[in-house]
Amino acid sequence: MRINNNKQMENNIEKLVLMNFIAVLKKYDKYPLFRCTVGVKTGNVISNLYKSMSGFKSIMLSQRDNNIFENAQNIDSFVQMLKDIQNGGLPSNVTDQREIQKYIAGCTNFLLHLYLERFVGDFKLLEEIGKQIFDMSCEKMFGKGFEDLLVPPSKEKAAKMRELNQFLMECNNNGRTLPQDRLDEIRAFLDSIRRDNGDEDMWYAQPNLGDGGDEPVEEDYDDYYDDTPW
């Protein structure tokens, strides 16, 4: 049963995750990596400002083929696109906390993969950022001291995942093509995870995967539901 009484927040998990994603990126000075590619095909003032800055052109070019939010005019349109990508969002009749936590983790992982993975060559940092976004979102949904219901991976699988993801990020950073033998290894590893225990959440937002980190960022959620452009 959900604890949160804010119906607007409860019915818009995607917006909750997005605002926490933005808050944590700002904390780590990573926000421009996200914002410089959003809404670049709209008349949004901030988007046009980023487009005019030469320092962000390489990021925009790297996102050119998968910039699925290039037409996001504001936060609400971004949220709707995110919900559409996540198969229309979580059904309104879902009240199981574990399913809601998995959905929060899925939205978090998707945004981190799209906007940070190729630019942050430190997998531990991605874990830390993902954990904070996940914790902040779950605390808003279920209250402080919520019970983490996601299934943590084994230490061996976590170590292997970190190694493979670190290798992928280094390939991205150095412009290297992924060797076929490593690609086969990654596919086999992911297949083994699905086969052995499909419930394991093996990505950044797994709160049991990291080694602690900073305290969650305190945010004023009352300001999140206006319709002003970003």
C-alpha atoms as a PDB file:
ATOM      1  CA  MET A   1       0.000   0.000   0.000  1.00  0.00           C
ATOM      2  CA  ARG A   2       1.406   3.392  -0.921  1.00  0.00           C
ATOM      3  CA  ILE A   3       2.031   5.807   1.917  1.00  0.00           C
ATOM      4  CA  ASN A   4       2.144   9.031  -0.061  1.00  0.00           C
ATOM      5  CA  ASN A   5      -1.079  11.057   0.089  1.00  0.00           C
ATOM      6  CA  ASN A   6      -0.181  13.448  -2.728  1.00  0.00           C
ATOM      7  CA  LYS A   7      -2.382  12.017  -5.499  1.00  0.00           C
ATOM      8  CA  GLN A   8      -0.749  14.140  -8.171  1.00  0.00           C
ATOM      9  CA  MET A   9       2.677  12.772  -7.250  1.00  0.00           C
ATOM     10  CA  GLU A  10       1.353   9.235  -6.828  1.00  0.00           C
ATOM     11  CA  ASN A  11      -0.150   9.203 -10.297  1.00  0.00           C
ATOM     12  CA  ASN A  12       2.939  10.658 -11.969  1.00  0.00           C
ATOM     13  CA  ILE A  13       5.916   8.532 -10.978  1.00  0.00           C
ATOM     14  CA  GLU A  14       7.739   9.556 -14.154  1.00  0.00           C
ATOM     15  CA  LYS A  15       7.666  13.209 -13.111  1.00  0.00           C
ATOM     16  CA  LEU A  16       8.848  12.337  -9.636  1.00  0.00           C
ATOM     17  CA  VAL A  17      11.816  10.387 -11.035  1.00  0.00           C
ATOM     18  CA  LEU A  18      12.635  13.126 -13.560  1.00  0.00           C
ATOM     19  CA  MET A  19      12.698  15.872 -10.952  1.00  0.00           C
ATOM     20  CA  ASN A  20      14.911  13.807  -8.661  1.00  0.00           C
ATOM     21  CA  PHE A  21      17.119  12.960 -11.645  1.00  0.00           C
ATOM     22  CA  ILE A  22      17.511  16.691 -12.357  1.00  0.00           C
ATOM     23  CA  ALA A  23      18.166  17.506  -8.674  1.00  0.00           C
ATOM     24  CA  VAL A  24      20.921  14.901  -8.327  1.00  0.00           C
ATOM     25  CA  LEU A  25      22.532  15.815 -11.671  1.00  0.00           C
ATOM     26  CA  LYS A  26      22.719  19.426 -10.523  1.00  0.00           C
ATOM     27  CA  LYS A  27      24.318  18.305  -7.279  1.00  0.00           C
ATOM     28  CA  TYR A  28      27.061  16.514  -9.231  1.00  0.00           C
ATOM     29  CA  ASP A  29      27.404  19.272 -11.863  1.00  0.00           C
ATOM     30  CA  LYS A  30      26.146  16.910 -14.593  1.00  0.00           C
ATOM     31  CA  TYR A  31      22.912  18.711 -15.469  1.00  0.00           C
ATOM     32  CA  PRO A  32      24.191  20.248 -18.758  1.00  0.00           C
ATOM     33  CA  LEU A  33      24.861  16.729 -20.120  1.00  0.00           C
ATOM     34  CA  PHE A  34      21.131  16.181 -19.897  1.00  0.00           C
ATOM     35  CA  ARG A  35      19.691  19.603 -20.631  1.00  0.00           C
ATOM     36  CA  CYS A  36      21.757  20.516 -23.682  1.00  0.00           C
ATOM     37  CA  THR A  37      20.057  17.880 -25.867  1.00  0.00           C
ATOM     38  CA  VAL A  38      16.457  18.148 -24.641  1.00  0.00           C
ATOM     39  CA  GLY A  39      14.014  20.066 -26.824  1.00  0.00           C
ATOM     40  CA  VAL A  40      16.592  21.031 -29.427  1.00  0.00           C
ATOM     41  CA  LYS A  41      13.933  20.889 -32.162  1.00  0.00           C
ATOM     42  CA  THR A  42      11.550  23.176 -30.299  1.00  0.00           C
ATOM     43  CA  GLY A  43      11.390  26.912 -29.736  1.00  0.00           C
ATOM     44  CA  ASN A  44      12.241  26.520 -26.055  1.00  0.00           C
ATOM     45  CA  VAL A  45      14.443  29.423 -24.974  1.00  0.00           C
ATOM     46  CA  ILE A  46      16.821  27.391 -22.815  1.00  0.00           C
ATOM     47  CA  SER A  47      17.184  24.676 -25.456  1.00  0.00           C
ATOM     48  CA  ASN A  48      18.071  27.299 -28.060  1.00  0.00           C
ATOM     49  CA  LEU A  49      20.596  28.822 -25.676  1.00  0.00           C
ATOM     50  CA  TYR A  50      22.386  25.493 -25.305  1.00  0.00           C
ATOM     51  CA  LYS A  51      22.302  25.009 -29.091  1.00  0.00           C
ATOM     52  CA  SER A  52      24.143  28.288 -29.537  1.00  0.00           C
ATOM     53  CA  MET A  53      27.029  27.240 -27.271  1.00  0.00           C
ATOM     54  CA  SER A  54      29.853  25.561 -29.153  1.00  0.00           C
ATOM     55  CA  GLY A  55      31.003  23.719 -26.022  1.00  0.00           C
ATOM     56  CA  PHE A  56      27.954  21.460 -26.142  1.00  0.00           C
ATOM     57  CA  LYS A  57      28.033  20.603 -29.835  1.00  0.00           C
ATOM     58  CA  SER A  58      29.997  17.364 -29.365  1.00  0.00           C
ATOM     59  CA  ILE A  59      27.420  16.128 -26.840  1.00  0.00           C
ATOM     60  CA  MET A  60      24.572  17.026 -29.166  1.00  0.00           C
ATOM     61  CA  LEU A  61      26.249  15.219 -32.052  1.00  0.00           C
ATOM     62  CA  SER A  62      26.787  12.103 -29.961  1.00  0.00           C
ATOM     63  CA  GLN A  63      23.074  12.077 -29.108  1.00  0.00           C
ATOM     64  CA  ARG A  64      21.945  12.807 -32.664  1.00  0.00           C
ATOM     65  CA  ASP A  65      20.819   9.262 -33.479  1.00  0.00           C
ATOM     66  CA  ASN A  66      18.985   8.546 -30.214  1.00  0.00           C
ATOM     67  CA  ASN A  67      17.788  11.953 -29.060  1.00  0.00           C
ATOM     68  CA  ILE A  68      14.254  10.777 -28.400  1.00  0.00           C
ATOM     69  CA  PHE A  69      13.410  13.892 -26.362  1.00  0.00           C
ATOM     70  CA  GLU A  70      14.444  16.429 -28.984  1.00  0.00           C
ATOM     71  CA  ASN A  71      10.823  17.575 -29.313  1.00  0.00           C
ATOM     72  CA  ALA A  72      10.167  17.943 -25.582  1.00  0.00           C
ATOM     73  CA  GLN A  73       8.943  21.516 -25.176  1.00  0.00           C
ATOM     74  CA  ASN A  74       8.738  21.436 -21.373  1.00  0.00           C
ATOM     75  CA  ILE A  75       8.816  19.108 -18.384  1.00  0.00           C
ATOM     76  CA  ASP A  76       5.279  17.842 -18.883  1.00  0.00           C
ATOM     77  CA  SER A  77       5.875  16.881 -22.507  1.00  0.00           C
ATOM     78  CA  PHE A  78       9.131  15.144 -21.516  1.00  0.00           C
ATOM     79  CA  VAL A  79       7.261  13.201 -18.834  1.00  0.00           C
ATOM     80  CA  GLN A  80       4.601  12.062 -21.306  1.00  0.00           C
ATOM     81  CA  MET A  81       7.299  10.867 -23.716  1.00  0.00           C
ATOM     82  CA  LEU A  82       9.043   9.002 -20.888  1.00  0.00           C
ATOM     83  CA  LYS A  83       5.767   7.346 -19.936  1.00  0.00           C
ATOM     84  CA  ASP A  84       5.124   6.341 -23.564  1.00  0.00           C
ATOM     85  CA  ILE A  85       8.596   4.802 -23.777  1.00  0.00           C
ATOM     86  CA  GLN A  86       7.891   2.809 -20.618  1.00  0.00           C
ATOM     87  CA  ASN A  87       4.936   1.087 -22.338  1.00  0.00           C
ATOM     88  CA  GLY A  88       2.448   3.689 -21.167  1.00  0.00           C
ATOM     89  CA  GLY A  89       3.608   3.763 -17.574  1.00  0.00           C
ATOM     90  CA  LEU A  90       2.676   1.677 -14.559  1.00  0.00           C
ATOM     91  CA  PRO A  91      -1.014   0.630 -14.574  1.00  0.00           C
ATOM     92  CA  SER A  92      -3.050   2.682 -12.096  1.00  0.00           C
ATOM     93  CA  ASN A  93      -4.285  -0.437 -10.299  1.00  0.00           C
ATOM     94  CA  VAL A  94      -0.774  -1.540  -9.302  1.00  0.00           C
ATOM     95  CA  THR A  95      -0.319  -1.070  -5.541  1.00  0.00           C
ATOM     96  CA  ASP A  96       2.407  -3.627  -4.879  1.00  0.00           C
ATOM     97  CA  GLN A  97       5.406  -1.703  -3.496  1.00  0.00           C
ATOM     98  CA  ARG A  98       7.949  -3.994  -5.103  1.00  0.00           C
ATOM     99  CA  GLU A  99       6.448  -3.489  -8.566  1.00  0.00           C
ATOM    100  CA  ILE A 100       6.423   0.279  -8.027  1.00  0.00           C
ATOM    101  CA  GLN A 101      10.057   0.208  -6.888  1.00  0.00           C
ATOM    102  CA  LYS A 102      11.016  -1.802  -9.977  1.00  0.00           C
ATOM    103  CA  TYR A 103       9.295   0.770 -12.152  1.00  0.00           C
ATOM    104  CA  ILE A 104      11.084   3.650 -10.401  1.00  0.00           C
ATOM    105  CA  ALA A 105      14.387   1.818 -10.921  1.00  0.00           C
ATOM    106  CA  GLY A 106      13.536   1.227 -14.586  1.00  0.00           C
ATOM    107  CA  CYS A 107      12.845   4.911 -15.263  1.00  0.00           C
ATOM    108  CA  THR A 108      16.016   5.892 -13.401  1.00  0.00           C
ATOM    109  CA  ASN A 109      18.156   3.400 -15.292  1.00  0.00           C
ATOM    110  CA  PHE A 110      16.768   4.516 -18.645  1.00  0.00           C
ATOM    111  CA  LEU A 111      17.609   8.195 -18.018  1.00  0.00           C
ATOM    112  CA  LEU A 112      21.090   7.387 -16.714  1.00  0.00           C
ATOM    113  CA  HIS A 113      21.804   5.163 -19.696  1.00  0.00           C
ATOM    114  CA  LEU A 114      20.605   7.771 -22.161  1.00  0.00           C
ATOM    115  CA  TYR A 115      22.224  10.868 -20.701  1.00  0.00           C
ATOM    116  CA  LEU A 116      25.185   9.920 -18.495  1.00  0.00           C
ATOM    117  CA  GLU A 117      26.570   6.514 -19.303  1.00  0.00           C
ATOM    118  CA  ARG A 118      28.715   7.496 -22.273  1.00  0.00           C
ATOM    119  CA  PHE A 119      30.033  10.673 -20.624  1.00  0.00           C
ATOM    120  CA  VAL A 120      30.790   9.457 -17.096  1.00  0.00           C
ATOM    121  CA  GLY A 121      33.665   6.995 -17.125  1.00  0.00           C
ATOM    122  CA  ASP A 122      33.143   5.896 -13.538  1.00  0.00           C
ATOM    123  CA  PHE A 123      30.639   3.120 -12.938  1.00  0.00           C
ATOM    124  CA  LYS A 124      30.772   3.626  -9.153  1.00  0.00           C
ATOM    125  CA  LEU A 125      29.663   7.233  -9.653  1.00  0.00           C
ATOM    126  CA  LEU A 126      26.740   6.110 -11.818  1.00  0.00           C
ATOM    127  CA  GLU A 127      25.723   3.674  -9.077  1.00  0.00           C
ATOM    128  CA  GLU A 128      25.904   6.445  -6.497  1.00  0.00           C
ATOM    129  CA  ILE A 129      23.818   8.821  -8.612  1.00  0.00           C
ATOM    130  CA  GLY A 130      21.280   6.097  -9.414  1.00  0.00           C
ATOM    131  CA  LYS A 131      20.956   5.104  -5.766  1.00  0.00           C
ATOM    132  CA  GLN A 132      20.239   8.669  -4.688  1.00  0.00           C
ATOM    133  CA  ILE A 133      17.566   9.153  -7.363  1.00  0.00           C
ATOM    134  CA  PHE A 134      15.961   5.837  -6.427  1.00  0.00           C
ATOM    135  CA  ASP A 135      16.026   6.551  -2.683  1.00  0.00           C
ATOM    136  CA  MET A 136      14.611  10.060  -3.050  1.00  0.00           C
ATOM    137  CA  SER A 137      11.786   8.834  -5.271  1.00  0.00           C
ATOM    138  CA  CYS A 138      10.890   5.903  -3.016  1.00  0.00           C
ATOM    139  CA  GLU A 139      10.979   8.098   0.081  1.00  0.00           C
ATOM    140  CA  LYS A 140       8.477  10.424  -1.535  1.00  0.00           C
ATOM    141  CA  MET A 141       6.245   7.506  -2.522  1.00  0.00           C
ATOM    142  CA  PHE A 142       6.483   5.390   0.639  1.00  0.00           C
ATOM    143  CA  GLY A 143       7.924   7.667   3.326  1.00  0.00           C
ATOM    144  CA  LYS A 144      11.313   7.829   5.039  1.00  0.00           C
ATOM    145  CA  GLY A 145      12.625   4.466   6.126  1.00  0.00           C
ATOM    146  CA  PHE A 146      10.851   2.643   3.278  1.00  0.00           C
ATOM    147  CA  GLU A 147      11.716  -1.033   2.891  1.00  0.00           C
ATOM    148  CA  ASP A 148      13.900  -1.859  -0.090  1.00  0.00           C
ATOM    149  CA  LEU A 149      12.128  -4.741  -1.801  1.00  0.00           C
ATOM    150  CA  LEU A 150      14.360  -5.157  -4.836  1.00  0.00           C
ATOM    151  CA  VAL A 151      16.458  -8.295  -5.020  1.00  0.00           C
ATOM    152  CA  PRO A 152      20.178  -7.518  -4.830  1.00  0.00           C
ATOM    153  CA  PRO A 153      22.591  -9.362  -7.117  1.00  0.00           C
ATOM    154  CA  SER A 154      25.241 -11.701  -5.765  1.00  0.00           C
ATOM    155  CA  LYS A 155      28.672 -10.178  -5.137  1.00  0.00           C
ATOM    156  CA  GLU A 156      30.064 -12.161  -8.055  1.00  0.00           C
ATOM    157  CA  LYS A 157      27.423 -10.891 -10.491  1.00  0.00           C
ATOM    158  CA  ALA A 158      27.769  -7.326  -9.220  1.00  0.00           C
ATOM    159  CA  ALA A 159      31.535  -7.424  -9.718  1.00  0.00           C
ATOM    160  CA  LYS A 160      31.140  -8.870 -13.221  1.00  0.00           C
ATOM    161  CA  MET A 161      28.543  -6.270 -14.131  1.00  0.00           C
ATOM    162  CA  ARG A 162      30.823  -3.449 -12.965  1.00  0.00           C
ATOM    163  CA  GLU A 163      33.713  -4.837 -14.964  1.00  0.00           C
ATOM    164  CA  LEU A 164      31.700  -5.154 -18.183  1.00  0.00           C
ATOM    165  CA  ASN A 165      30.060  -1.747 -17.817  1.00  0.00           C
ATOM    166  CA  GLN A 166      33.398  -0.101 -17.087  1.00  0.00           C
ATOM    167  CA  PHE A 167      34.806  -1.672 -20.243  1.00  0.00           C
ATOM    168  CA  LEU A 168      31.836  -0.441 -22.284  1.00  0.00           C
ATOM    169  CA  MET A 169      32.244   3.101 -20.983  1.00  0.00           C
ATOM    170  CA  GLU A 170      35.970   3.069 -21.757  1.00  0.00           C
ATOM    171  CA  CYS A 171      35.188   1.941 -25.311  1.00  0.00           C
ATOM    172  CA  ASN A 172      32.710   4.802 -25.665  1.00  0.00           C
ATOM    173  CA  ASN A 173      35.149   7.340 -24.263  1.00  0.00           C
ATOM    174  CA  ASN A 174      37.981   6.215 -26.550  1.00  0.00           C
ATOM    175  CA  GLY A 175      35.855   5.730 -29.661  1.00  0.00           C
ATOM    176  CA  ARG A 176      36.771   2.041 -29.791  1.00  0.00           C
ATOM    177  CA  THR A 177      34.634  -0.607 -31.435  1.00  0.00           C
ATOM    178  CA  LEU A 178      33.506  -3.311 -29.049  1.00  0.00           C
ATOM    179  CA  PRO A 179      35.364  -6.554 -29.879  1.00  0.00           C
ATOM    180  CA  GLN A 180      33.092  -9.403 -30.904  1.00  0.00           C
ATOM    181  CA  ASP A 181      34.388 -11.714 -28.163  1.00  0.00           C
ATOM    182  CA  ARG A 182      33.526  -9.160 -25.453  1.00  0.00           C
ATOM    183  CA  LEU A 183      30.148  -8.513 -27.054  1.00  0.00           C
ATOM    184  CA  ASP A 184      29.427 -12.249 -26.944  1.00  0.00           C
ATOM    185  CA  GLU A 185      30.581 -12.332 -23.315  1.00  0.00           C
ATOM    186  CA  ILE A 186      28.227  -9.488 -22.351  1.00  0.00           C
ATOM    187  CA  ARG A 187      25.271 -11.104 -24.105  1.00  0.00           C
ATOM    188  CA  ALA A 188      25.965 -14.452 -22.424  1.00  0.00           C
ATOM    189  CA  PHE A 189      26.222 -12.769 -19.027  1.00  0.00           C
ATOM    190  CA  LEU A 190      22.927 -10.919 -19.446  1.00  0.00           C
ATOM    191  CA  ASP A 191      21.259 -14.121 -20.646  1.00  0.00           C
ATOM    192  CA  SER A 192      22.519 -15.934 -17.545  1.00  0.00           C
ATOM    193  CA  ILE A 193      21.019 -13.248 -15.301  1.00  0.00           C
ATOM    194  CA  ARG A 194      17.630 -13.571 -16.965  1.00  0.00           C
ATOM    195  CA  ARG A 195      17.820 -17.362 -16.825  1.00  0.00           C
ATOM    196  CA  ASP A 196      19.029 -17.716 -13.236  1.00  0.00           C
ATOM    197  CA  ASN A 197      16.938 -15.050 -11.548  1.00  0.00           C
ATOM    198  CA  GLY A 198      14.901 -12.595 -13.574  1.00  0.00           C
ATOM    199  CA  ASP A 199      14.009 -10.689 -10.409  1.00  0.00           C
ATOM    200  CA  GLU A 200      17.516  -9.380  -9.847  1.00  0.00           C
ATOM    201  CA  ASP A 201      17.823  -5.721 -10.709  1.00  0.00           C
ATOM    202  CA  MET A 202      21.317  -5.539 -12.140  1.00  0.00           C
ATOM    203  CA  TRP A 203      21.746  -1.893 -12.938  1.00  0.00           C
ATOM    204  CA  TYR A 204      22.548   1.514 -11.487  1.00  0.00           C
ATOM    205  CA  ALA A 205      19.420   2.089  -9.431  1.00  0.00           C
ATOM    206  CA  GLN A 206      19.810  -1.125  -7.427  1.00  0.00           C
ATOM    207  CA  PRO A 207      20.084   0.400  -3.936  1.00  0.00           C
ATOM    208  CA  ASN A 208      21.978  -2.596  -2.517  1.00  0.00           C
ATOM    209  CA  LEU A 209      24.614  -2.516  -5.239  1.00  0.00           C
ATOM    210  CA  GLY A 210      26.514   0.605  -4.197  1.00  0.00           C
ATOM    211  CA  ASP A 211      28.690   1.225  -1.165  1.00  0.00           C
ATOM    212  CA  GLY A 212      26.717   3.925   0.571  1.00  0.00           C
ATOM    213  CA  GLY A 213      27.297   7.436  -0.720  1.00  0.00           C
ATOM    214  CA  ASP A 214      25.971  10.830   0.193  1.00  0.00           C
ATOM    215  CA  GLU A 215      22.705  11.492   1.934  1.00  0.00           C
ATOM    216  CA  PRO A 216      19.684  12.078  -0.340  1.00  0.00           C
ATOM    217  CA  VAL A 217      19.201  15.603  -1.606  1.00  0.00           C
ATOM    218  CA  GLU A 218      16.379  17.450   0.123  1.00  0.00           C
ATOM    219  CA  GLU A 219      14.085  19.007  -2.471  1.00  0.00           C
ATOM    220  CA  ASP A 220      10.993  21.219  -2.362  1.00  0.00           C
ATOM    221  CA  TYR A 221       8.449  19.186  -4.340  1.00  0.00           C
ATOM    222  CA  ASP A 222       5.778  21.870  -4.091  1.00  0.00           C
ATOM    223  CA  ASP A 223       7.436  23.730  -6.966  1.00  0.00           C
ATOM    224  CA  TYR A 224       7.540  20.744  -9.313  1.00  0.00           C
ATOM    225  CA  TYR A 225       4.022  20.886 -10.633  1.00  0.00           C
ATOM    226  CA  ASP A 226       3.907  24.197 -12.424  1.00  0.00           C
ATOM    227  CA  ASP A 227       3.646  24.351 -16.205  1.00  0.00           C
ATOM    228  CA  THR A 228       6.454  26.795 -16.847  1.00  0.00           C
ATOM    229  CA  PRO A 229       9.026  25.813 -19.497  1.00  0.00           C
ATOM    230  CA  TRP A 230      12.289  24.526 -18.182  1.00  0.00           C
END
